[in-house]
PDB file of all heavy atoms in Angstrom:
ATOM      1  N   ALA A   1       0.868  -1.172   0.000  1.00  0.00           N
ATOM      2  CA  ALA A   1       0.000   0.000   0.000  1.00  0.00           C
ATOM      3  C   ALA A   1       0.908   1.226   0.000  1.00  0.00           C
ATOM      4  O   ALA A   1       2.064   1.151  -0.418  1.00  0.00           O
ATOM      5  CB  ALA A   1      -0.926  -0.045   1.212  1.00  0.00           C
ATOM      6  N   TYR A   2       0.410   2.351   0.461  1.00  0.00           N
ATOM      7  CA  TYR A   2       1.221   3.564   0.431  1.00  0.00           C
ATOM      8  C   TYR A   2       2.448   3.397   1.333  1.00  0.00           C
ATOM      9  O   TYR A   2       2.330   3.062   2.506  1.00  0.00           O
ATOM     10  CB  TYR A   2       0.403   4.775   0.880  1.00  0.00           C
ATOM     11  CG  TYR A   2      -0.615   5.212  -0.139  1.00  0.00           C
ATOM     12  CD1 TYR A   2      -1.963   4.887   0.012  1.00  0.00           C
ATOM     13  CD2 TYR A   2      -0.222   5.929  -1.264  1.00  0.00           C
ATOM     14  CE1 TYR A   2      -2.900   5.279  -0.930  1.00  0.00           C
ATOM     15  CE2 TYR A   2      -1.157   6.326  -2.219  1.00  0.00           C
ATOM     16  CZ  TYR A   2      -2.501   6.002  -2.043  1.00  0.00           C
ATOM     17  OH  TYR A   2      -3.423   6.384  -2.982  1.00  0.00           O
ATOM     18  N   VAL A   3       3.617   3.634   0.739  1.00  0.00           N
ATOM     19  CA  VAL A   3       4.885   3.476   1.431  1.00  0.00           C
ATOM     20  C   VAL A   3       5.452   4.869   1.719  1.00  0.00           C
ATOM     21  O   VAL A   3       5.269   5.802   0.931  1.00  0.00           O
ATOM     22  CB  VAL A   3       5.881   2.659   0.569  1.00  0.00           C
ATOM     23  CG1 VAL A   3       7.190   2.439   1.318  1.00  0.00           C
ATOM     24  CG2 VAL A   3       5.259   1.331   0.161  1.00  0.00           C
ATOM     25  N   ARG A   4       6.162   4.984   2.819  1.00  0.00           N
ATOM     26  CA  ARG A   4       6.761   6.274   3.184  1.00  0.00           C
ATOM     27  C   ARG A   4       7.960   6.541   2.272  1.00  0.00           C
ATOM     28  O   ARG A   4       9.104   6.227   2.585  1.00  0.00           O
ATOM     29  CB  ARG A   4       7.198   6.263   4.646  1.00  0.00           C
ATOM     30  CG  ARG A   4       7.496   7.647   5.223  1.00  0.00           C
ATOM     31  CD  ARG A   4       8.046   7.564   6.627  1.00  0.00           C
ATOM     32  NE  ARG A   4       7.213   6.786   7.515  1.00  0.00           N
ATOM     33  CZ  ARG A   4       6.141   7.263   8.151  1.00  0.00           C
ATOM     34  NH1 ARG A   4       5.773   8.516   7.970  1.00  0.00           N
ATOM     35  NH2 ARG A   4       5.432   6.478   8.957  1.00  0.00           N
ATOM     36  N   THR A   5       7.687   7.126   1.099  1.00  0.00           N
ATOM     37  CA  THR A   5       8.714   7.401   0.098  1.00  0.00           C
ATOM     38  C   THR A   5       8.520   8.808  -0.458  1.00  0.00           C
ATOM     39  O   THR A   5       7.441   9.402  -0.325  1.00  0.00           O
ATOM     40  CB  THR A   5       8.629   6.414  -1.083  1.00  0.00           C
ATOM     41  OG1 THR A   5       7.380   6.625  -1.775  1.00  0.00           O
ATOM     42  CG2 THR A   5       8.713   4.970  -0.611  1.00  0.00           C
ATOM     43  N   PRO A   6       9.534   9.346  -1.142  1.00  0.00           N
ATOM     44  CA  PRO A   6       9.365  10.643  -1.808  1.00  0.00           C
ATOM     45  C   PRO A   6       8.221  10.627  -2.834  1.00  0.00           C
ATOM     46  O   PRO A   6       7.537  11.641  -3.008  1.00  0.00           O
ATOM     47  CB  PRO A   6      10.727  10.862  -2.486  1.00  0.00           C
ATOM     48  CG  PRO A   6      11.690  10.112  -1.626  1.00  0.00           C
ATOM     49  CD  PRO A   6      10.936   8.881  -1.178  1.00  0.00           C
ATOM     50  N   LEU A   7       8.006   9.478  -3.499  1.00  0.00           N
ATOM     51  CA  LEU A   7       6.926   9.382  -4.491  1.00  0.00           C
ATOM     52  C   LEU A   7       5.577   9.646  -3.840  1.00  0.00           C
ATOM     53  O   LEU A   7       4.735  10.371  -4.383  1.00  0.00           O
ATOM     54  CB  LEU A   7       6.934   8.002  -5.145  1.00  0.00           C
ATOM     55  CG  LEU A   7       5.834   7.738  -6.191  1.00  0.00           C
ATOM     56  CD1 LEU A   7       6.023   8.633  -7.399  1.00  0.00           C
ATOM     57  CD2 LEU A   7       5.831   6.281  -6.607  1.00  0.00           C
ATOM     58  N   VAL A   8       5.360   9.065  -2.675  1.00  0.00           N
ATOM     59  CA  VAL A   8       4.089   9.257  -1.970  1.00  0.00           C
ATOM     60  C   VAL A   8       3.973  10.683  -1.450  1.00  0.00           C
ATOM     61  O   VAL A   8       2.910  11.315  -1.541  1.00  0.00           O
ATOM     62  CB  VAL A   8       3.946   8.233  -0.826  1.00  0.00           C
ATOM     63  CG1 VAL A   8       2.811   8.619   0.119  1.00  0.00           C
ATOM     64  CG2 VAL A   8       3.698   6.844  -1.402  1.00  0.00           C
ATOM     65  N   GLU A   9       5.060  11.213  -0.919  1.00  0.00           N
ATOM     66  CA  GLU A   9       5.029  12.581  -0.400  1.00  0.00           C
ATOM     67  C   GLU A   9       4.675  13.582  -1.493  1.00  0.00           C
ATOM     68  O   GLU A   9       3.952  14.560  -1.254  1.00  0.00           O
ATOM     69  CB  GLU A   9       6.378  12.923   0.229  1.00  0.00           C
ATOM     70  CG  GLU A   9       6.664  12.131   1.506  1.00  0.00           C
ATOM     71  CD  GLU A   9       8.107  12.269   1.964  1.00  0.00           C
ATOM     72  OE1 GLU A   9       8.871  12.981   1.288  1.00  0.00           O
ATOM     73  OE2 GLU A   9       8.453  11.655   2.990  1.00  0.00           O
ATOM     74  N   LYS A  10       5.161  13.333  -2.706  1.00  0.00           N
ATOM     75  CA  LYS A  10       4.875  14.233  -3.825  1.00  0.00           C
ATOM     76  C   LYS A  10       3.427  14.157  -4.266  1.00  0.00           C
ATOM     77  O   LYS A  10       2.923  15.064  -4.929  1.00  0.00           O
ATOM     78  CB  LYS A  10       5.797  13.900  -5.006  1.00  0.00           C
ATOM     79  CG  LYS A  10       7.258  14.237  -4.764  1.00  0.00           C
ATOM     80  CD  LYS A  10       8.131  13.768  -5.919  1.00  0.00           C
ATOM     81  CE  LYS A  10       9.599  14.015  -5.650  1.00  0.00           C
ATOM     82  NZ  LYS A  10      10.467  13.458  -6.727  1.00  0.00           N
ATOM     83  N   GLN A  11       2.746  13.058  -3.914  1.00  0.00           N
ATOM     84  CA  GLN A  11       1.355  12.893  -4.329  1.00  0.00           C
ATOM     85  C   GLN A  11       0.386  13.735  -3.520  1.00  0.00           C
ATOM     86  O   GLN A  11      -0.733  13.975  -3.960  1.00  0.00           O
ATOM     87  CB  GLN A  11       0.924  11.431  -4.159  1.00  0.00           C
ATOM     88  CG  GLN A  11       1.400  10.482  -5.230  1.00  0.00           C
ATOM     89  CD  GLN A  11       0.747   9.133  -5.025  1.00  0.00           C
ATOM     90  OE1 GLN A  11      -0.468   9.017  -5.002  1.00  0.00           O
ATOM     91  NE2 GLN A  11       1.568   8.113  -4.855  1.00  0.00           N
ATOM     92  N   ILE A  12       0.790  14.148  -2.340  1.00  0.00           N
ATOM     93  CA  ILE A  12      -0.172  14.762  -1.420  1.00  0.00           C
ATOM     94  C   ILE A  12      -0.818  15.996  -2.031  1.00  0.00           C
ATOM     95  O   ILE A  12      -2.044  16.171  -1.981  1.00  0.00           O
ATOM     96  CB  ILE A  12       0.511  15.076  -0.078  1.00  0.00           C
ATOM     97  CG1 ILE A  12       0.834  13.752   0.643  1.00  0.00           C
ATOM     98  CG2 ILE A  12      -0.370  15.955   0.790  1.00  0.00           C
ATOM     99  CD1 ILE A  12       1.545  13.911   1.972  1.00  0.00           C
ATOM    100  N   ALA A  13      -0.024  16.867  -2.633  1.00  0.00           N
ATOM    101  CA  ALA A  13      -0.588  18.077  -3.242  1.00  0.00           C
ATOM    102  C   ALA A  13      -1.518  17.723  -4.393  1.00  0.00           C
ATOM    103  O   ALA A  13      -2.608  18.320  -4.533  1.00  0.00           O
ATOM    104  CB  ALA A  13       0.534  18.990  -3.724  1.00  0.00           C
ATOM    105  N   ASP A  14      -1.118  16.761  -5.227  1.00  0.00           N
ATOM    106  CA  ASP A  14      -1.969  16.346  -6.345  1.00  0.00           C
ATOM    107  C   ASP A  14      -3.281  15.755  -5.850  1.00  0.00           C
ATOM    108  O   ASP A  14      -4.360  16.026  -6.408  1.00  0.00           O
ATOM    109  CB  ASP A  14      -1.241  15.314  -7.213  1.00  0.00           C
ATOM    110  CG  ASP A  14      -0.116  15.908  -8.032  1.00  0.00           C
ATOM    111  OD1 ASP A  14      -0.115  17.151  -8.207  1.00  0.00           O
ATOM    112  OD2 ASP A  14       0.757  15.155  -8.488  1.00  0.00           O
ATOM    113  N   GLN A  15      -3.188  14.913  -4.823  1.00  0.00           N
ATOM    114  CA  GLN A  15      -4.395  14.295  -4.275  1.00  0.00           C
ATOM    115  C   GLN A  15      -5.323  15.354  -3.686  1.00  0.00           C
ATOM    116  O   GLN A  15      -6.553  15.294  -3.857  1.00  0.00           O
ATOM    117  CB  GLN A  15      -4.009  13.277  -3.192  1.00  0.00           C
ATOM    118  CG  GLN A  15      -3.311  12.040  -3.712  1.00  0.00           C
ATOM    119  CD  GLN A  15      -4.287  10.981  -4.207  1.00  0.00           C
ATOM    120  OE1 GLN A  15      -5.451  11.267  -4.474  1.00  0.00           O
ATOM    121  NE2 GLN A  15      -3.796   9.764  -4.332  1.00  0.00           N
ATOM    122  N   ALA A  16      -4.763  16.307  -2.987  1.00  0.00           N
ATOM    123  CA  ALA A  16      -5.574  17.371  -2.388  1.00  0.00           C
ATOM    124  C   ALA A  16      -6.299  18.165  -3.467  1.00  0.00           C
ATOM    125  O   ALA A  16      -7.509  18.447  -3.345  1.00  0.00           O
ATOM    126  CB  ALA A  16      -4.680  18.291  -1.550  1.00  0.00           C
ATOM    127  N   ARG A  17      -5.596  18.514  -4.518  1.00  0.00           N
ATOM    128  CA  ARG A  17      -6.202  19.282  -5.605  1.00  0.00           C
ATOM    129  C   ARG A  17      -7.286  18.475  -6.321  1.00  0.00           C
ATOM    130  O   ARG A  17      -8.384  18.972  -6.590  1.00  0.00           O
ATOM    131  CB  ARG A  17      -5.114  19.688  -6.603  1.00  0.00           C
ATOM    132  CG  ARG A  17      -5.636  20.533  -7.762  1.00  0.00           C
ATOM    133  CD  ARG A  17      -4.532  20.941  -8.718  1.00  0.00           C
ATOM    134  NE  ARG A  17      -3.897  19.783  -9.347  1.00  0.00           N
ATOM    135  CZ  ARG A  17      -2.702  19.308  -9.025  1.00  0.00           C
ATOM    136  NH1 ARG A  17      -1.989  19.885  -8.068  1.00  0.00           N
ATOM    137  NH2 ARG A  17      -2.206  18.260  -9.640  1.00  0.00           N
ATOM    138  N   THR A  18      -6.989  17.218  -6.618  1.00  0.00           N
ATOM    139  CA  THR A  18      -7.929  16.387  -7.372  1.00  0.00           C
ATOM    140  C   THR A  18      -9.195  16.100  -6.570  1.00  0.00           C
ATOM    141  O   THR A  18     -10.302  16.108  -7.110  1.00  0.00           O
ATOM    142  CB  THR A  18      -7.261  15.060  -7.774  1.00  0.00           C
ATOM    143  OG1 THR A  18      -6.089  15.353  -8.545  1.00  0.00           O
ATOM    144  CG2 THR A  18      -8.204  14.208  -8.616  1.00  0.00           C
ATOM    145  N   HIS A  19      -9.035  15.852  -5.266  1.00  0.00           N
ATOM    146  CA  HIS A  19     -10.183  15.508  -4.429  1.00  0.00           C
ATOM    147  C   HIS A  19     -10.835  16.719  -3.783  1.00  0.00           C
ATOM    148  O   HIS A  19     -11.884  16.597  -3.139  1.00  0.00           O
ATOM    149  CB  HIS A  19      -9.748  14.522  -3.340  1.00  0.00           C
ATOM    150  CG  HIS A  19      -9.413  13.166  -3.856  1.00  0.00           C
ATOM    151  ND1 HIS A  19     -10.365  12.183  -4.085  1.00  0.00           N
ATOM    152  CD2 HIS A  19      -8.225  12.606  -4.216  1.00  0.00           C
ATOM    153  CE1 HIS A  19      -9.782  11.091  -4.532  1.00  0.00           C
ATOM    154  NE2 HIS A  19      -8.478  11.320  -4.623  1.00  0.00           N
ATOM    155  N   GLY A  20     -10.221  17.901  -3.920  1.00  0.00           N
ATOM    156  CA  GLY A  20     -10.804  19.109  -3.361  1.00  0.00           C
ATOM    157  C   GLY A  20     -10.789  19.148  -1.848  1.00  0.00           C
ATOM    158  O   GLY A  20     -11.743  19.626  -1.222  1.00  0.00           O
ATOM    159  N   ILE A  21      -9.678  18.652  -1.249  1.00  0.00           N
ATOM    160  CA  ILE A  21      -9.546  18.664   0.202  1.00  0.00           C
ATOM    161  C   ILE A  21      -8.201  19.278   0.583  1.00  0.00           C
ATOM    162  O   ILE A  21      -7.294  19.349  -0.248  1.00  0.00           O
ATOM    163  CB  ILE A  21      -9.653  17.232   0.805  1.00  0.00           C
ATOM    164  CG1 ILE A  21      -8.528  16.329   0.258  1.00  0.00           C
ATOM    165  CG2 ILE A  21     -11.021  16.630   0.519  1.00  0.00           C
ATOM    166  CD1 ILE A  21      -8.508  14.940   0.889  1.00  0.00           C
ATOM    167  N   PRO A  22      -8.046  19.718   1.824  1.00  0.00           N
ATOM    168  CA  PRO A  22      -6.751  20.258   2.260  1.00  0.00           C
ATOM    169  C   PRO A  22      -5.676  19.170   2.267  1.00  0.00           C
ATOM    170  O   PRO A  22      -5.977  17.992   2.491  1.00  0.00           O
ATOM    171  CB  PRO A  22      -7.031  20.756   3.692  1.00  0.00           C
ATOM    172  CG  PRO A  22      -8.515  20.900   3.780  1.00  0.00           C
ATOM    173  CD  PRO A  22      -9.081  19.866   2.872  1.00  0.00           C
ATOM    174  N   GLU A  23      -4.431  19.572   2.048  1.00  0.00           N
ATOM    175  CA  GLU A  23      -3.329  18.605   2.054  1.00  0.00           C
ATOM    176  C   GLU A  23      -3.231  17.874   3.384  1.00  0.00           C
ATOM    177  O   GLU A  23      -2.856  16.700   3.435  1.00  0.00           O
ATOM    178  CB  GLU A  23      -2.001  19.311   1.750  1.00  0.00           C
ATOM    179  CG  GLU A  23      -1.891  19.808   0.324  1.00  0.00           C
ATOM    180  CD  GLU A  23      -0.514  20.366   0.002  1.00  0.00           C
ATOM    181  OE1 GLU A  23       0.452  20.031   0.735  1.00  0.00           O
ATOM    182  OE2 GLU A  23      -0.386  21.128  -0.979  1.00  0.00           O
ATOM    183  N   SER A  24      -3.595  18.553   4.476  1.00  0.00           N
ATOM    184  CA  SER A  24      -3.502  17.949   5.799  1.00  0.00           C
ATOM    185  C   SER A  24      -4.450  16.769   5.983  1.00  0.00           C
ATOM    186  O   SER A  24      -4.286  15.960   6.910  1.00  0.00           O
ATOM    187  CB  SER A  24      -3.787  19.003   6.877  1.00  0.00           C
ATOM    188  OG  SER A  24      -5.092  19.544   6.714  1.00  0.00           O
ATOM    189  N   GLU A  25      -5.449  16.654   5.101  1.00  0.00           N
ATOM    190  CA  GLU A  25      -6.445  15.594   5.235  1.00  0.00           C
ATOM    191  C   GLU A  25      -6.199  14.418   4.283  1.00  0.00           C
ATOM    192  O   GLU A  25      -6.900  13.406   4.360  1.00  0.00           O
ATOM    193  CB  GLU A  25      -7.846  16.158   4.999  1.00  0.00           C
ATOM    194  CG  GLU A  25      -8.261  17.206   6.023  1.00  0.00           C
ATOM    195  CD  GLU A  25      -9.645  17.775   5.757  1.00  0.00           C
ATOM    196  OE1 GLU A  25     -10.347  17.239   4.876  1.00  0.00           O
ATOM    197  OE2 GLU A  25     -10.028  18.757   6.434  1.00  0.00           O
ATOM    198  N   VAL A  26      -5.212  14.552   3.403  1.00  0.00           N
ATOM    199  CA  VAL A  26      -4.984  13.528   2.378  1.00  0.00           C
ATOM    200  C   VAL A  26      -4.597  12.184   2.989  1.00  0.00           C
ATOM    201  O   VAL A  26      -5.098  11.129   2.596  1.00  0.00           O
ATOM    202  CB  VAL A  26      -3.913  13.994   1.372  1.00  0.00           C
ATOM    203  CG1 VAL A  26      -3.442  12.834   0.487  1.00  0.00           C
ATOM    204  CG2 VAL A  26      -4.466  15.118   0.510  1.00  0.00           C
ATOM    205  N   LEU A  27      -3.694  12.204   3.970  1.00  0.00           N
ATOM    206  CA  LEU A  27      -3.211  10.955   4.545  1.00  0.00           C
ATOM    207  C   LEU A  27      -4.357  10.140   5.135  1.00  0.00           C
ATOM    208  O   LEU A  27      -4.521   8.953   4.828  1.00  0.00           O
ATOM    209  CB  LEU A  27      -2.144  11.235   5.611  1.00  0.00           C
ATOM    210  CG  LEU A  27      -1.430  10.003   6.173  1.00  0.00           C
ATOM    211  CD1 LEU A  27      -0.663   9.257   5.080  1.00  0.00           C
ATOM    212  CD2 LEU A  27      -0.464  10.410   7.297  1.00  0.00           C
ATOM    213  N   ASP A  28      -5.180  10.772   5.976  1.00  0.00           N
ATOM    214  CA  ASP A  28      -6.254  10.046   6.648  1.00  0.00           C
ATOM    215  C   ASP A  28      -7.426   9.745   5.721  1.00  0.00           C
ATOM    216  O   ASP A  28      -7.967   8.627   5.733  1.00  0.00           O
ATOM    217  CB  ASP A  28      -6.754  10.836   7.858  1.00  0.00           C
ATOM    218  CG  ASP A  28      -5.737  10.862   8.983  1.00  0.00           C
ATOM    219  OD1 ASP A  28      -4.886   9.956   9.039  1.00  0.00           O
ATOM    220  OD2 ASP A  28      -5.776  11.805   9.801  1.00  0.00           O
ATOM    221  N   GLN A  29      -7.827  10.705   4.910  1.00  0.00           N
ATOM    222  CA  GLN A  29      -9.037  10.545   4.100  1.00  0.00           C
ATOM    223  C   GLN A  29      -8.813   9.729   2.831  1.00  0.00           C
ATOM    224  O   GLN A  29      -9.741   9.054   2.357  1.00  0.00           O
ATOM    225  CB  GLN A  29      -9.617  11.910   3.724  1.00  0.00           C
ATOM    226  CG  GLN A  29     -10.245  12.653   4.886  1.00  0.00           C
ATOM    227  CD  GLN A  29     -11.126  13.806   4.411  1.00  0.00           C
ATOM    228  OE1 GLN A  29     -11.617  13.816   3.275  1.00  0.00           O
ATOM    229  NE2 GLN A  29     -11.327  14.792   5.279  1.00  0.00           N
ATOM    230  N   ILE A  30      -7.609   9.771   2.275  1.00  0.00           N
ATOM    231  CA  ILE A  30      -7.352   9.108   0.994  1.00  0.00           C
ATOM    232  C   ILE A  30      -6.398   7.925   1.162  1.00  0.00           C
ATOM    233  O   ILE A  30      -6.754   6.773   0.884  1.00  0.00           O
ATOM    234  CB  ILE A  30      -6.769  10.102  -0.036  1.00  0.00           C
ATOM    235  CG1 ILE A  30      -7.707  11.307  -0.206  1.00  0.00           C
ATOM    236  CG2 ILE A  30      -6.541   9.392  -1.366  1.00  0.00           C
ATOM    237  CD1 ILE A  30      -9.089  10.983  -0.700  1.00  0.00           C
ATOM    238  N   MET A  31      -5.205   8.181   1.656  1.00  0.00           N
ATOM    239  CA  MET A  31      -4.167   7.150   1.629  1.00  0.00           C
ATOM    240  C   MET A  31      -4.405   6.023   2.630  1.00  0.00           C
ATOM    241  O   MET A  31      -4.154   4.851   2.333  1.00  0.00           O
ATOM    242  CB  MET A  31      -2.796   7.793   1.856  1.00  0.00           C
ATOM    243  CG  MET A  31      -2.371   8.700   0.722  1.00  0.00           C
ATOM    244  SD  MET A  31      -0.729   9.420   0.968  1.00  0.00           S
ATOM    245  CE  MET A  31      -0.476  10.223  -0.629  1.00  0.00           C
ATOM    246  N   LEU A  32      -4.879   6.372   3.824  1.00  0.00           N
ATOM    247  CA  LEU A  32      -5.066   5.344   4.842  1.00  0.00           C
ATOM    248  C   LEU A  32      -6.511   4.876   4.967  1.00  0.00           C
ATOM    249  O   LEU A  32      -6.795   3.944   5.732  1.00  0.00           O
ATOM    250  CB  LEU A  32      -4.563   5.852   6.204  1.00  0.00           C
ATOM    251  CG  LEU A  32      -3.077   6.180   6.279  1.00  0.00           C
ATOM    252  CD1 LEU A  32      -2.698   6.630   7.685  1.00  0.00           C
ATOM    253  CD2 LEU A  32      -2.217   4.995   5.853  1.00  0.00           C
ATOM    254  N   ALA A  33      -7.404   5.474   4.217  1.00  0.00           N
ATOM    255  CA  ALA A  33      -8.814   5.101   4.319  1.00  0.00           C
ATOM    256  C   ALA A  33      -9.078   3.633   3.994  1.00  0.00           C
ATOM    257  O   ALA A  33      -9.867   2.977   4.682  1.00  0.00           O
ATOM    258  CB  ALA A  33      -9.657   6.007   3.423  1.00  0.00           C
ATOM    259  N   PRO A  34      -8.445   3.032   2.954  1.00  0.00           N
ATOM    260  CA  PRO A  34      -8.788   1.650   2.609  1.00  0.00           C
ATOM    261  C   PRO A  34      -8.109   0.591   3.476  1.00  0.00           C
ATOM    262  O   PRO A  34      -8.428  -0.590   3.358  1.00  0.00           O
ATOM    263  CB  PRO A  34      -8.295   1.520   1.148  1.00  0.00           C
ATOM    264  CG  PRO A  34      -7.837   2.874   0.726  1.00  0.00           C
ATOM    265  CD  PRO A  34      -7.519   3.612   1.969  1.00  0.00           C
ATOM    266  N   VAL A  35      -7.150   0.974   4.316  1.00  0.00           N
ATOM    267  CA  VAL A  35      -6.345  -0.025   5.018  1.00  0.00           C
ATOM    268  C   VAL A  35      -6.844  -0.221   6.439  1.00  0.00           C
ATOM    269  O   VAL A  35      -7.391   0.691   7.068  1.00  0.00           O
ATOM    270  CB  VAL A  35      -4.848   0.347   5.023  1.00  0.00           C
ATOM    271  CG1 VAL A  35      -4.346   0.545   3.608  1.00  0.00           C
ATOM    272  CG2 VAL A  35      -4.583   1.590   5.866  1.00  0.00           C
ATOM    273  N   ALA A  36      -6.648  -1.449   6.955  1.00  0.00           N
ATOM    274  CA  ALA A  36      -7.024  -1.751   8.333  1.00  0.00           C
ATOM    275  C   ALA A  36      -5.976  -1.220   9.308  1.00  0.00           C
ATOM    276  O   ALA A  36      -6.318  -0.690  10.372  1.00  0.00           O
ATOM    277  CB  ALA A  36      -7.197  -3.257   8.507  1.00  0.00           C
ATOM    278  N   LEU A  37      -4.702  -1.360   8.947  1.00  0.00           N
ATOM    279  CA  LEU A  37      -3.613  -0.843   9.764  1.00  0.00           C
ATOM    280  C   LEU A  37      -3.345   0.599   9.346  1.00  0.00           C
ATOM    281  O   LEU A  37      -2.847   0.842   8.250  1.00  0.00           O
ATOM    282  CB  LEU A  37      -2.346  -1.692   9.580  1.00  0.00           C
ATOM    283  CG  LEU A  37      -2.449  -3.161  10.001  1.00  0.00           C
ATOM    284  CD1 LEU A  37      -1.180  -3.911   9.621  1.00  0.00           C
ATOM    285  CD2 LEU A  37      -2.706  -3.266  11.506  1.00  0.00           C
ATOM    286  N   LYS A  38      -3.673   1.526  10.186  1.00  0.00           N
ATOM    287  CA  LYS A  38      -3.609   2.946   9.819  1.00  0.00           C
ATOM    288  C   LYS A  38      -2.179   3.479   9.952  1.00  0.00           C
ATOM    289  O   LYS A  38      -1.842   4.255  10.844  1.00  0.00           O
ATOM    290  CB  LYS A  38      -4.568   3.756  10.693  1.00  0.00           C
ATOM    291  CG  LYS A  38      -6.025   3.321  10.597  1.00  0.00           C
ATOM    292  CD  LYS A  38      -6.563   3.439   9.168  1.00  0.00           C
ATOM    293  CE  LYS A  38      -8.027   3.059   9.106  1.00  0.00           C
ATOM    294  NZ  LYS A  38      -8.557   3.140   7.704  1.00  0.00           N
ATOM    295  N   ARG A  39      -1.331   3.020   9.047  1.00  0.00           N
ATOM    296  CA  ARG A  39       0.059   3.448   9.042  1.00  0.00           C
ATOM    297  C   ARG A  39       0.595   3.305   7.626  1.00  0.00           C
ATOM    298  O   ARG A  39       0.113   2.482   6.833  1.00  0.00           O
ATOM    299  CB  ARG A  39       0.913   2.597   9.988  1.00  0.00           C
ATOM    300  CG  ARG A  39       0.880   1.110   9.657  1.00  0.00           C
ATOM    301  CD  ARG A  39       1.682   0.272  10.644  1.00  0.00           C
ATOM    302  NE  ARG A  39       3.120   0.500  10.533  1.00  0.00           N
ATOM    303  CZ  ARG A  39       3.926  -0.175   9.700  1.00  0.00           C
ATOM    304  NH1 ARG A  39       3.439  -1.115   8.892  1.00  0.00           N
ATOM    305  NH2 ARG A  39       5.214   0.074   9.665  1.00  0.00           N
ATOM    306  N   LEU A  40       1.596   4.106   7.292  1.00  0.00           N
ATOM    307  CA  LEU A  40       2.302   3.931   6.038  1.00  0.00           C
ATOM    308  C   LEU A  40       3.241   2.737   6.158  1.00  0.00           C
ATOM    309  O   LEU A  40       3.781   2.444   7.225  1.00  0.00           O
ATOM    310  CB  LEU A  40       3.107   5.180   5.688  1.00  0.00           C
ATOM    311  CG  LEU A  40       2.311   6.445   5.358  1.00  0.00           C
ATOM    312  CD1 LEU A  40       3.268   7.631   5.183  1.00  0.00           C
ATOM    313  CD2 LEU A  40       1.457   6.267   4.110  1.00  0.00           C
ATOM    314  N   VAL A  41       3.452   2.032   5.059  1.00  0.00           N
ATOM    315  CA  VAL A  41       4.425   0.949   5.014  1.00  0.00           C
ATOM    316  C   VAL A  41       5.819   1.565   4.978  1.00  0.00           C
ATOM    317  O   VAL A  41       6.040   2.598   4.335  1.00  0.00           O
ATOM    318  CB  VAL A  41       4.197   0.074   3.759  1.00  0.00           C
ATOM    319  CG1 VAL A  41       5.206  -1.072   3.708  1.00  0.00           C
ATOM    320  CG2 VAL A  41       2.772  -0.462   3.729  1.00  0.00           C
ATOM    321  N   GLU A  42       6.763   0.946   5.668  1.00  0.00           N
ATOM    322  CA  GLU A  42       8.138   1.434   5.662  1.00  0.00           C
ATOM    323  C   GLU A  42       8.936   0.718   4.569  1.00  0.00           C
ATOM    324  O   GLU A  42       8.690  -0.450   4.266  1.00  0.00           O
ATOM    325  CB  GLU A  42       8.802   1.207   7.022  1.00  0.00           C
ATOM    326  CG  GLU A  42       8.089   1.891   8.181  1.00  0.00           C
ATOM    327  CD  GLU A  42       8.108   3.406   8.092  1.00  0.00           C
ATOM    328  OE1 GLU A  42       8.973   3.960   7.382  1.00  0.00           O
ATOM    329  OE2 GLU A  42       7.257   4.049   8.742  1.00  0.00           O
ATOM    330  N   VAL A  43       9.901   1.415   3.989  1.00  0.00           N
ATOM    331  CA  VAL A  43      10.652   0.864   2.865  1.00  0.00           C
ATOM    332  C   VAL A  43      11.396  -0.417   3.240  1.00  0.00           C
ATOM    333  O   VAL A  43      11.515  -1.341   2.427  1.00  0.00           O
ATOM    334  CB  VAL A  43      11.645   1.897   2.286  1.00  0.00           C
ATOM    335  CG1 VAL A  43      10.892   3.049   1.640  1.00  0.00           C
ATOM    336  CG2 VAL A  43      12.611   2.412   3.355  1.00  0.00           C
ATOM    337  N   ASP A  44      11.887  -0.496   4.462  1.00  0.00           N
ATOM    338  CA  ASP A  44      12.648  -1.679   4.877  1.00  0.00           C
ATOM    339  C   ASP A  44      11.783  -2.932   4.907  1.00  0.00           C
ATOM    340  O   ASP A  44      12.292  -4.050   4.735  1.00  0.00           O
ATOM    341  CB  ASP A  44      13.276  -1.446   6.255  1.00  0.00           C
ATOM    342  CG  ASP A  44      14.414  -0.431   6.214  1.00  0.00           C
ATOM    343  OD1 ASP A  44      14.945  -0.190   5.117  1.00  0.00           O
ATOM    344  OD2 ASP A  44      14.752   0.111   7.285  1.00  0.00           O
TER     345      ASP A  44
END
């Protein structure tokens, strides 16, 4: 799922614009909404 990477970090502004929500809400409302474990995956 969403991994803590520069690629994901760069998506936040795009996601906010596309969904019409503040950037501060992207992680909870978009990226972590479908997952049971409410955390980003770590690269390791």
